[in-house]
C-alpha atoms as a PDB file:
ATOM      1  CA  UNK A   1      38.086  10.637   5.255  1.00  0.00           C
ATOM      2  CA  UNK A   2      39.011   9.831   8.823  1.00  0.00           C
ATOM      3  CA  UNK A   3      36.861   8.111  11.411  1.00  0.00           C
ATOM      4  CA  UNK A   4      36.128  11.485  12.960  1.00  0.00           C
ATOM      5  CA  UNK A   5      33.246  11.985  10.516  1.00  0.00           C
ATOM      6  CA  UNK A   6      30.394   9.927   9.140  1.00  0.00           C
ATOM      7  CA  UNK A   7      29.511  10.332   5.494  1.00  0.00           C
ATOM      8  CA  UNK A   8      25.822   9.907   4.583  1.00  0.00           C
ATOM      9  CA  UNK A   9      24.199  10.113   1.172  1.00  0.00           C
ATOM     10  CA  UNK A  10      20.893  11.969   0.981  1.00  0.00           C
ATOM     11  CA  UNK A  11      18.020  11.714  -1.456  1.00  0.00           C
ATOM     12  CA  UNK A  12      15.330  14.385  -1.896  1.00  0.00           C
ATOM     13  CA  UNK A  13      13.195  12.489   0.620  1.00  0.00           C
ATOM     14  CA  UNK A  14      15.926  12.357   3.278  1.00  0.00           C
ATOM     15  CA  UNK A  15      16.831  16.049   3.111  1.00  0.00           C
ATOM     16  CA  UNK A  16      13.993  18.276   4.253  1.00  0.00           C
ATOM     17  CA  UNK A  17      14.869  21.568   2.579  1.00  0.00           C
ATOM     18  CA  UNK A  18      11.545  23.216   3.471  1.00  0.00           C
ATOM     19  CA  UNK A  19      12.495  23.379   7.175  1.00  0.00           C
ATOM     20  CA  UNK A  20      16.197  24.152   6.800  1.00  0.00           C
ATOM     21  CA  UNK A  21      17.353  27.437   8.239  1.00  0.00           C
ATOM     22  CA  UNK A  22      20.215  29.795   7.550  1.00  0.00           C
ATOM     23  CA  UNK A  23      22.243  27.962  10.206  1.00  0.00           C
ATOM     24  CA  UNK A  24      21.107  24.339   9.900  1.00  0.00           C
ATOM     25  CA  UNK A  25      20.430  21.503   7.506  1.00  0.00           C
ATOM     26  CA  UNK A  26      17.455  19.210   8.137  1.00  0.00           C
ATOM     27  CA  UNK A  27      17.704  15.439   7.817  1.00  0.00           C
ATOM     28  CA  UNK A  28      14.529  13.394   7.564  1.00  0.00           C
ATOM     29  CA  UNK A  29      13.669   9.733   7.918  1.00  0.00           C
ATOM     30  CA  UNK A  30       9.967   8.930   7.881  1.00  0.00           C
ATOM     31  CA  UNK A  31       8.447  11.340  10.452  1.00  0.00           C
ATOM     32  CA  UNK A  32      11.701  12.101  12.261  1.00  0.00           C
ATOM     33  CA  UNK A  33      13.421  15.395  11.391  1.00  0.00           C
ATOM     34  CA  UNK A  34      16.731  16.429  12.935  1.00  0.00           C
ATOM     35  CA  UNK A  35      18.592  19.704  12.411  1.00  0.00           C
ATOM     36  CA  UNK A  36      22.378  19.714  12.130  1.00  0.00           C
ATOM     37  CA  UNK A  37      24.482  22.885  12.259  1.00  0.00           C
ATOM     38  CA  UNK A  38      25.952  24.081   8.985  1.00  0.00           C
ATOM     39  CA  UNK A  39      28.972  25.360  10.886  1.00  0.00           C
ATOM     40  CA  UNK A  40      29.917  21.813  11.969  1.00  0.00           C
ATOM     41  CA  UNK A  41      28.783  19.740   8.970  1.00  0.00           C
ATOM     42  CA  UNK A  42      29.693  19.793   5.303  1.00  0.00           C
ATOM     43  CA  UNK A  43      27.068  19.245   2.601  1.00  0.00           C
ATOM     44  CA  UNK A  44      28.176  18.536  -0.970  1.00  0.00           C
ATOM     45  CA  UNK A  45      26.029  18.212  -4.067  1.00  0.00           C
ATOM     46  CA  UNK A  46      26.618  15.071  -6.105  1.00  0.00           C
ATOM     47  CA  UNK A  47      26.567  14.825  -9.862  1.00  0.00           C
ATOM     48  CA  UNK A  48      23.127  13.415 -10.513  1.00  0.00           C
ATOM     49  CA  UNK A  49      22.826  10.564 -12.973  1.00  0.00           C
ATOM     50  CA  UNK A  50      19.510   9.319 -14.310  1.00  0.00           C
ATOM     51  CA  UNK A  51      19.432   6.197 -12.118  1.00  0.00           C
ATOM     52  CA  UNK A  52      20.977   7.874  -9.061  1.00  0.00           C
ATOM     53  CA  UNK A  53      18.888   8.043  -5.882  1.00  0.00           C
ATOM     54  CA  UNK A  54      21.217  10.389  -4.054  1.00  0.00           C
ATOM     55  CA  UNK A  55      21.730  14.090  -4.650  1.00  0.00           C
ATOM     56  CA  UNK A  56      23.881  15.138  -1.662  1.00  0.00           C
ATOM     57  CA  UNK A  57      26.424  13.790   0.740  1.00  0.00           C
ATOM     58  CA  UNK A  58      26.820  15.171   4.227  1.00  0.00           C
ATOM     59  CA  UNK A  59      29.798  14.767   6.552  1.00  0.00           C
ATOM     60  CA  UNK A  60      28.791  14.819  10.213  1.00  0.00           C
ATOM     61  CA  UNK A  61      31.354  14.783  13.043  1.00  0.00           C
ATOM     62  CA  UNK A  62      31.135  11.746  15.347  1.00  0.00           C
ATOM     63  CA  UNK A  63      31.154  13.905  18.466  1.00  0.00           C
ATOM     64  CA  UNK A  64      27.982  15.642  17.264  1.00  0.00           C
ATOM     65  CA  UNK A  65      26.260  12.323  16.596  1.00  0.00           C
ATOM     66  CA  UNK A  66      27.256  10.974  20.013  1.00  0.00           C
ATOM     67  CA  UNK A  67      25.951  14.111  21.692  1.00  0.00           C
ATOM     68  CA  UNK A  68      22.440  13.891  20.191  1.00  0.00           C
ATOM     69  CA  UNK A  69      20.419  10.667  20.486  1.00  0.00           C
ATOM     70  CA  UNK A  70      17.936  11.652  17.743  1.00  0.00           C
ATOM     71  CA  UNK A  71      20.793  12.435  15.362  1.00  0.00           C
ATOM     72  CA  UNK A  72      22.405   9.104  16.233  1.00  0.00           C
ATOM     73  CA  UNK A  73      19.126   7.334  15.485  1.00  0.00           C
ATOM     74  CA  UNK A  74      18.483   9.066  12.147  1.00  0.00           C
ATOM     75  CA  UNK A  75      22.070   8.617  10.921  1.00  0.00           C
ATOM     76  CA  UNK A  76      21.820   4.893  11.651  1.00  0.00           C
ATOM     77  CA  UNK A  77      18.516   4.649   9.763  1.00  0.00           C
ATOM     78  CA  UNK A  78      19.930   6.562   6.796  1.00  0.00           C
ATOM     79  CA  UNK A  79      23.123   4.472   6.740  1.00  0.00           C
ATOM     80  CA  UNK A  80      21.061   1.274   6.826  1.00  0.00           C
ATOM     81  CA  UNK A  81      18.874   2.592   4.016  1.00  0.00           C
ATOM     82  CA  UNK A  82      21.959   3.513   1.974  1.00  0.00           C
ATOM     83  CA  UNK A  83      23.362  -0.003   2.437  1.00  0.00           C
ATOM     84  CA  UNK A  84      20.085  -1.627   1.372  1.00  0.00           C
ATOM     85  CA  UNK A  85      19.916   0.418  -1.830  1.00  0.00           C
ATOM     86  CA  UNK A  86      23.567  -0.141  -2.742  1.00  0.00           C
END
């Protein structure tokens, strides 16, 4: 993976599937929900183990994160959360 993308692991609480649309994924952290376009981001399901917290990984382009302040904020929160749980 190059530095052109950020890879974030998502748990069922950080992916808000109930508000996703045909064209976007929804990322959630506490009360903040941000939509990201499916056409620009790649979501992959992970093999779930019993003790695993994460079910998906999403690759988000840096230019998209830099363009949207809410997306930048939520990706930082999710990355920090991932680091704490690792």
